[in-house]
Amino acid sequence: MPPFLIVALGALGAAALAKVIAAETRRINGALDRHRASEAGDMKAVPLERDPVTGDYRPRQS
């Protein structure tokens, strides 16, 4: 088989793979965005305060 055909088939395969990966990425990001939007409505803003001993931020104890 001539080398240019092998290169052309490789380029077509790479383009097809890139298209499939891009579509899958868009699908997953859409699902994540929908999940985050539904989760954001359920959560309330919780004030954080810094723990002086560890330096970590934790929810404020009311």
PDB file of N, CA and C in Angstrom:
ATOM      1  N   MET A   1       0.859  -1.170   0.000  1.00  0.00           N
ATOM      2  CA  MET A   1       0.000   0.000   0.000  1.00  0.00           C
ATOM      3  C   MET A   1       0.906   1.235   0.000  1.00  0.00           C
ATOM      4  N   PRO A   2       0.584   2.215  -0.828  1.00  0.00           N
ATOM      5  CA  PRO A   2       1.409   3.425  -0.890  1.00  0.00           C
ATOM      6  C   PRO A   2       1.398   4.177   0.450  1.00  0.00           C
ATOM      7  N   PRO A   3       2.511   4.772   0.789  1.00  0.00           N
ATOM      8  CA  PRO A   3       2.612   5.461   2.087  1.00  0.00           C
ATOM      9  C   PRO A   3       1.602   6.600   2.251  1.00  0.00           C
ATOM     10  N   PHE A   4       1.273   7.299   1.177  1.00  0.00           N
ATOM     11  CA  PHE A   4       0.341   8.422   1.321  1.00  0.00           C
ATOM     12  C   PHE A   4      -1.056   7.934   1.713  1.00  0.00           C
ATOM     13  N   LEU A   5      -1.439   6.740   1.320  1.00  0.00           N
ATOM     14  CA  LEU A   5      -2.730   6.185   1.731  1.00  0.00           C
ATOM     15  C   LEU A   5      -2.735   5.846   3.220  1.00  0.00           C
ATOM     16  N   ILE A   6      -1.631   5.340   3.695  1.00  0.00           N
ATOM     17  CA  ILE A   6      -1.515   5.025   5.124  1.00  0.00           C
ATOM     18  C   ILE A   6      -1.602   6.300   5.952  1.00  0.00           C
ATOM     19  N   VAL A   7      -0.919   7.344   5.476  1.00  0.00           N
ATOM     20  CA  VAL A   7      -0.956   8.629   6.181  1.00  0.00           C
ATOM     21  C   VAL A   7      -2.369   9.217   6.131  1.00  0.00           C
ATOM     22  N   ALA A   8      -3.026   9.125   4.970  1.00  0.00           N
ATOM     23  CA  ALA A   8      -4.379   9.659   4.838  1.00  0.00           C
ATOM     24  C   ALA A   8      -5.354   8.903   5.748  1.00  0.00           C
ATOM     25  N   LEU A   9      -5.252   7.583   5.789  1.00  0.00           N
ATOM     26  CA  LEU A   9      -6.116   6.805   6.677  1.00  0.00           C
ATOM     27  C   LEU A   9      -5.856   7.142   8.142  1.00  0.00           C
ATOM     28  N   GLY A  10      -4.603   7.342   8.502  1.00  0.00           N
ATOM     29  CA  GLY A  10      -4.258   7.730   9.879  1.00  0.00           C
ATOM     30  C   GLY A  10      -4.836   9.088  10.240  1.00  0.00           C
ATOM     31  N   ALA A  11      -4.770  10.028   9.296  1.00  0.00           N
ATOM     32  CA  ALA A  11      -5.319  11.365   9.542  1.00  0.00           C
ATOM     33  C   ALA A  11      -6.838  11.301   9.684  1.00  0.00           C
ATOM     34  N   LEU A  12      -7.504  10.516   8.849  1.00  0.00           N
ATOM     35  CA  LEU A  12      -8.956  10.370   8.958  1.00  0.00           C
ATOM     36  C   LEU A  12      -9.342   9.719  10.285  1.00  0.00           C
ATOM     37  N   GLY A  13      -8.593   8.724  10.690  1.00  0.00           N
ATOM     38  CA  GLY A  13      -8.858   8.068  11.964  1.00  0.00           C
ATOM     39  C   GLY A  13      -8.666   9.017  13.140  1.00  0.00           C
ATOM     40  N   ALA A  14      -7.620   9.821  13.071  1.00  0.00           N
ATOM     41  CA  ALA A  14      -7.365  10.782  14.152  1.00  0.00           C
ATOM     42  C   ALA A  14      -8.460  11.835  14.211  1.00  0.00           C
ATOM     43  N   ALA A  15      -8.932  12.300  13.056  1.00  0.00           N
ATOM     44  CA  ALA A  15     -10.005  13.292  13.028  1.00  0.00           C
ATOM     45  C   ALA A  15     -11.304  12.705  13.589  1.00  0.00           C
ATOM     46  N   ALA A  16     -11.600  11.471  13.220  1.00  0.00           N
ATOM     47  CA  ALA A  16     -12.811  10.820  13.728  1.00  0.00           C
ATOM     48  C   ALA A  16     -12.727  10.628  15.234  1.00  0.00           C
ATOM     49  N   LEU A  17     -11.573  10.231  15.728  1.00  0.00           N
ATOM     50  CA  LEU A  17     -11.391  10.045  17.166  1.00  0.00           C
ATOM     51  C   LEU A  17     -11.534  11.368  17.912  1.00  0.00           C
ATOM     52  N   ALA A  18     -10.970  12.439  17.369  1.00  0.00           N
ATOM     53  CA  ALA A  18     -11.082  13.756  17.999  1.00  0.00           C
ATOM     54  C   ALA A  18     -12.545  14.199  18.055  1.00  0.00           C
ATOM     55  N   LYS A  19     -13.307  13.905  16.997  1.00  0.00           N
ATOM     56  CA  LYS A  19     -14.719  14.288  16.972  1.00  0.00           C
ATOM     57  C   LYS A  19     -15.516  13.518  18.018  1.00  0.00           C
ATOM     58  N   VAL A  20     -15.234  12.237  18.165  1.00  0.00           N
ATOM     59  CA  VAL A  20     -15.930  11.420  19.168  1.00  0.00           C
ATOM     60  C   VAL A  20     -15.586  11.898  20.579  1.00  0.00           C
ATOM     61  N   ILE A  21     -14.331  12.183  20.816  1.00  0.00           N
ATOM     62  CA  ILE A  21     -13.908  12.653  22.143  1.00  0.00           C
ATOM     63  C   ILE A  21     -14.548  13.999  22.463  1.00  0.00           C
ATOM     64  N   ALA A  22     -14.623  14.909  21.489  1.00  0.00           N
ATOM     65  CA  ALA A  22     -15.234  16.224  21.716  1.00  0.00           C
ATOM     66  C   ALA A  22     -16.718  16.083  22.029  1.00  0.00           C
ATOM     67  N   ALA A  23     -17.407  15.220  21.319  1.00  0.00           N
ATOM     68  CA  ALA A  23     -18.842  15.019  21.569  1.00  0.00           C
ATOM     69  C   ALA A  23     -19.073  14.424  22.956  1.00  0.00           C
ATOM     70  N   GLU A  24     -18.252  13.479  23.346  1.00  0.00           N
ATOM     71  CA  GLU A  24     -18.385  12.857  24.662  1.00  0.00           C
ATOM     72  C   GLU A  24     -18.087  13.869  25.769  1.00  0.00           C
ATOM     73  N   THR A  25     -17.100  14.723  25.547  1.00  0.00           N
ATOM     74  CA  THR A  25     -16.759  15.753  26.524  1.00  0.00           C
ATOM     75  C   THR A  25     -17.924  16.726  26.701  1.00  0.00           C
ATOM     76  N   ARG A  26     -18.545  17.144  25.582  1.00  0.00           N
ATOM     77  CA  ARG A  26     -19.701  18.032  25.668  1.00  0.00           C
ATOM     78  C   ARG A  26     -20.860  17.366  26.407  1.00  0.00           C
ATOM     79  N   ARG A  27     -21.092  16.079  26.155  1.00  0.00           N
ATOM     80  CA  ARG A  27     -22.182  15.363  26.809  1.00  0.00           C
ATOM     81  C   ARG A  27     -21.958  15.286  28.316  1.00  0.00           C
ATOM     82  N   ILE A  28     -20.744  14.946  28.715  1.00  0.00           N
ATOM     83  CA  ILE A  28     -20.439  14.817  30.143  1.00  0.00           C
ATOM     84  C   ILE A  28     -20.502  16.179  30.829  1.00  0.00           C
ATOM     85  N   ASN A  29     -19.966  17.223  30.202  1.00  0.00           N
ATOM     86  CA  ASN A  29     -20.019  18.554  30.800  1.00  0.00           C
ATOM     87  C   ASN A  29     -21.457  19.043  30.953  1.00  0.00           C
ATOM     88  N   GLY A  30     -22.317  18.721  29.988  1.00  0.00           N
ATOM     89  CA  GLY A  30     -23.728  19.089  30.103  1.00  0.00           C
ATOM     90  C   GLY A  30     -24.384  18.407  31.289  1.00  0.00           C
ATOM     91  N   ALA A  31     -24.090  17.121  31.467  1.00  0.00           N
ATOM     92  CA  ALA A  31     -24.653  16.393  32.601  1.00  0.00           C
ATOM     93  C   ALA A  31     -24.136  16.956  33.924  1.00  0.00           C
ATOM     94  N   LEU A  32     -22.861  17.288  33.979  1.00  0.00           N
ATOM     95  CA  LEU A  32     -22.301  17.872  35.198  1.00  0.00           C
ATOM     96  C   LEU A  32     -22.908  19.243  35.484  1.00  0.00           C
ATOM     97  N   ASP A  33     -23.100  20.058  34.451  1.00  0.00           N
ATOM     98  CA  ASP A  33     -23.702  21.374  34.642  1.00  0.00           C
ATOM     99  C   ASP A  33     -25.127  21.253  35.176  1.00  0.00           C
ATOM    100  N   ARG A  34     -25.901  20.320  34.629  1.00  0.00           N
ATOM    101  CA  ARG A  34     -27.262  20.117  35.123  1.00  0.00           C
ATOM    102  C   ARG A  34     -27.247  19.662  36.576  1.00  0.00           C
ATOM    103  N   HIS A  35     -26.329  18.787  36.914  1.00  0.00           N
ATOM    104  CA  HIS A  35     -26.230  18.294  38.297  1.00  0.00           C
ATOM    105  C   HIS A  35     -25.832  19.417  39.247  1.00  0.00           C
ATOM    106  N   ARG A  36     -24.862  20.222  38.841  1.00  0.00           N
ATOM    107  CA  ARG A  36     -24.428  21.327  39.700  1.00  0.00           C
ATOM    108  C   ARG A  36     -25.536  22.355  39.882  1.00  0.00           C
ATOM    109  N   ALA A  37     -26.301  22.618  38.818  1.00  0.00           N
ATOM    110  CA  ALA A  37     -27.384  23.597  38.917  1.00  0.00           C
ATOM    111  C   ALA A  37     -28.462  23.118  39.881  1.00  0.00           C
ATOM    112  N   SER A  38     -28.778  21.835  39.839  1.00  0.00           N
ATOM    113  CA  SER A  38     -29.794  21.325  40.754  1.00  0.00           C
ATOM    114  C   SER A  38     -29.271  21.284  42.181  1.00  0.00           C
ATOM    115  N   GLU A  39     -27.999  21.027  42.339  1.00  0.00           N
ATOM    116  CA  GLU A  39     -27.388  20.971  43.666  1.00  0.00           C
ATOM    117  C   GLU A  39     -27.260  22.371  44.263  1.00  0.00           C
ATOM    118  N   ALA A  40     -26.990  23.366  43.436  1.00  0.00           N
ATOM    119  CA  ALA A  40     -26.796  24.728  43.928  1.00  0.00           C
ATOM    120  C   ALA A  40     -28.078  25.289  44.522  1.00  0.00           C
ATOM    121  N   GLY A  41     -29.214  24.891  43.997  1.00  0.00           N
ATOM    122  CA  GLY A  41     -30.477  25.367  44.541  1.00  0.00           C
ATOM    123  C   GLY A  41     -30.772  24.784  45.904  1.00  0.00           C
ATOM    124  N   ASP A  42     -30.227  23.617  46.193  1.00  0.00           N
ATOM    125  CA  ASP A  42     -30.486  22.947  47.466  1.00  0.00           C
ATOM    126  C   ASP A  42     -29.591  23.453  48.591  1.00  0.00           C
ATOM    127  N   MET A  43     -28.450  23.974  48.252  1.00  0.00           N
ATOM    128  CA  MET A  43     -27.475  24.356  49.276  1.00  0.00           C
ATOM    129  C   MET A  43     -27.686  25.807  49.701  1.00  0.00           C
ATOM    130  N   LYS A  44     -27.525  26.057  50.975  1.00  0.00           N
ATOM    131  CA  LYS A  44     -27.561  27.413  51.503  1.00  0.00           C
ATOM    132  C   LYS A  44     -26.120  27.880  51.680  1.00  0.00           C
ATOM    133  N   ALA A  45     -25.949  29.176  51.684  1.00  0.00           N
ATOM    134  CA  ALA A  45     -24.627  29.722  51.922  1.00  0.00           C
ATOM    135  C   ALA A  45     -24.277  29.517  53.397  1.00  0.00           C
ATOM    136  N   VAL A  46     -23.200  28.812  53.654  1.00  0.00           N
ATOM    137  CA  VAL A  46     -22.768  28.527  55.013  1.00  0.00           C
ATOM    138  C   VAL A  46     -21.515  29.351  55.284  1.00  0.00           C
ATOM    139  N   PRO A  47     -21.570  30.225  56.285  1.00  0.00           N
ATOM    140  CA  PRO A  47     -20.373  31.019  56.582  1.00  0.00           C
ATOM    141  C   PRO A  47     -19.260  30.125  57.145  1.00  0.00           C
ATOM    142  N   LEU A  48     -18.051  30.410  56.724  1.00  0.00           N
ATOM    143  CA  LEU A  48     -16.895  29.648  57.191  1.00  0.00           C
ATOM    144  C   LEU A  48     -16.058  30.510  58.114  1.00  0.00           C
ATOM    145  N   GLU A  49     -15.429  29.868  59.072  1.00  0.00           N
ATOM    146  CA  GLU A  49     -14.468  30.583  59.912  1.00  0.00           C
ATOM    147  C   GLU A  49     -13.196  29.752  60.010  1.00  0.00           C
ATOM    148  N   ARG A  50     -12.102  30.429  60.207  1.00  0.00           N
ATOM    149  CA  ARG A  50     -10.804  29.779  60.222  1.00  0.00           C
ATOM    150  C   ARG A  50     -10.526  29.205  61.602  1.00  0.00           C
ATOM    151  N   ASP A  51     -10.090  27.961  61.635  1.00  0.00           N
ATOM    152  CA  ASP A  51      -9.694  27.311  62.879  1.00  0.00           C
ATOM    153  C   ASP A  51      -8.288  27.793  63.205  1.00  0.00           C
ATOM    154  N   PRO A  52      -8.099  28.459  64.349  1.00  0.00           N
ATOM    155  CA  PRO A  52      -6.778  29.022  64.656  1.00  0.00           C
ATOM    156  C   PRO A  52      -5.706  27.956  64.878  1.00  0.00           C
ATOM    157  N   VAL A  53      -6.093  26.760  65.271  1.00  0.00           N
ATOM    158  CA  VAL A  53      -5.108  25.714  65.561  1.00  0.00           C
ATOM    159  C   VAL A  53      -4.591  25.087  64.265  1.00  0.00           C
ATOM    160  N   THR A  54      -5.515  24.658  63.393  1.00  0.00           N
ATOM    161  CA  THR A  54      -5.106  23.941  62.184  1.00  0.00           C
ATOM    162  C   THR A  54      -4.975  24.856  60.979  1.00  0.00           C
ATOM    163  N   GLY A  55      -5.650  25.995  60.988  1.00  0.00           N
ATOM    164  CA  GLY A  55      -5.632  26.889  59.839  1.00  0.00           C
ATOM    165  C   GLY A  55      -6.653  26.508  58.770  1.00  0.00           C
ATOM    166  N   ASP A  56      -7.447  25.458  59.007  1.00  0.00           N
ATOM    167  CA  ASP A  56      -8.471  25.044  58.057  1.00  0.00           C
ATOM    168  C   ASP A  56      -9.715  25.887  58.231  1.00  0.00           C
ATOM    169  N   TYR A  57     -10.489  25.994  57.167  1.00  0.00           N
ATOM    170  CA  TYR A  57     -11.763  26.698  57.233  1.00  0.00           C
ATOM    171  C   TYR A  57     -12.873  25.665  57.438  1.00  0.00           C
ATOM    172  N   ARG A  58     -13.745  25.953  58.391  1.00  0.00           N
ATOM    173  CA  ARG A  58     -14.826  25.038  58.738  1.00  0.00           C
ATOM    174  C   ARG A  58     -16.123  25.817  58.846  1.00  0.00           C
ATOM    175  N   PRO A  59     -17.270  25.115  58.729  1.00  0.00           N
ATOM    176  CA  PRO A  59     -18.546  25.828  58.908  1.00  0.00           C
ATOM    177  C   PRO A  59     -18.632  26.428  60.304  1.00  0.00           C
ATOM    178  N   ARG A  60     -19.196  27.626  60.357  1.00  0.00           N
ATOM    179  CA  ARG A  60     -19.338  28.330  61.628  1.00  0.00           C
ATOM    180  C   ARG A  60     -20.332  27.596  62.509  1.00  0.00           C
ATOM    181  N   GLN A  61     -19.959  27.408  63.757  1.00  0.00           N
ATOM    182  CA  GLN A  61     -20.838  26.757  64.731  1.00  0.00           C
ATOM    183  C   GLN A  61     -21.784  27.827  65.269  1.00  0.00           C
ATOM    184  N   SER A  62     -23.079  27.618  65.102  1.00  0.00           N
ATOM    185  CA  SER A  62     -24.070  28.615  65.556  1.00  0.00           C
ATOM    186  C   SER A  62     -24.318  28.510  67.024  1.00  0.00           C
TER     187      SER A  62
END
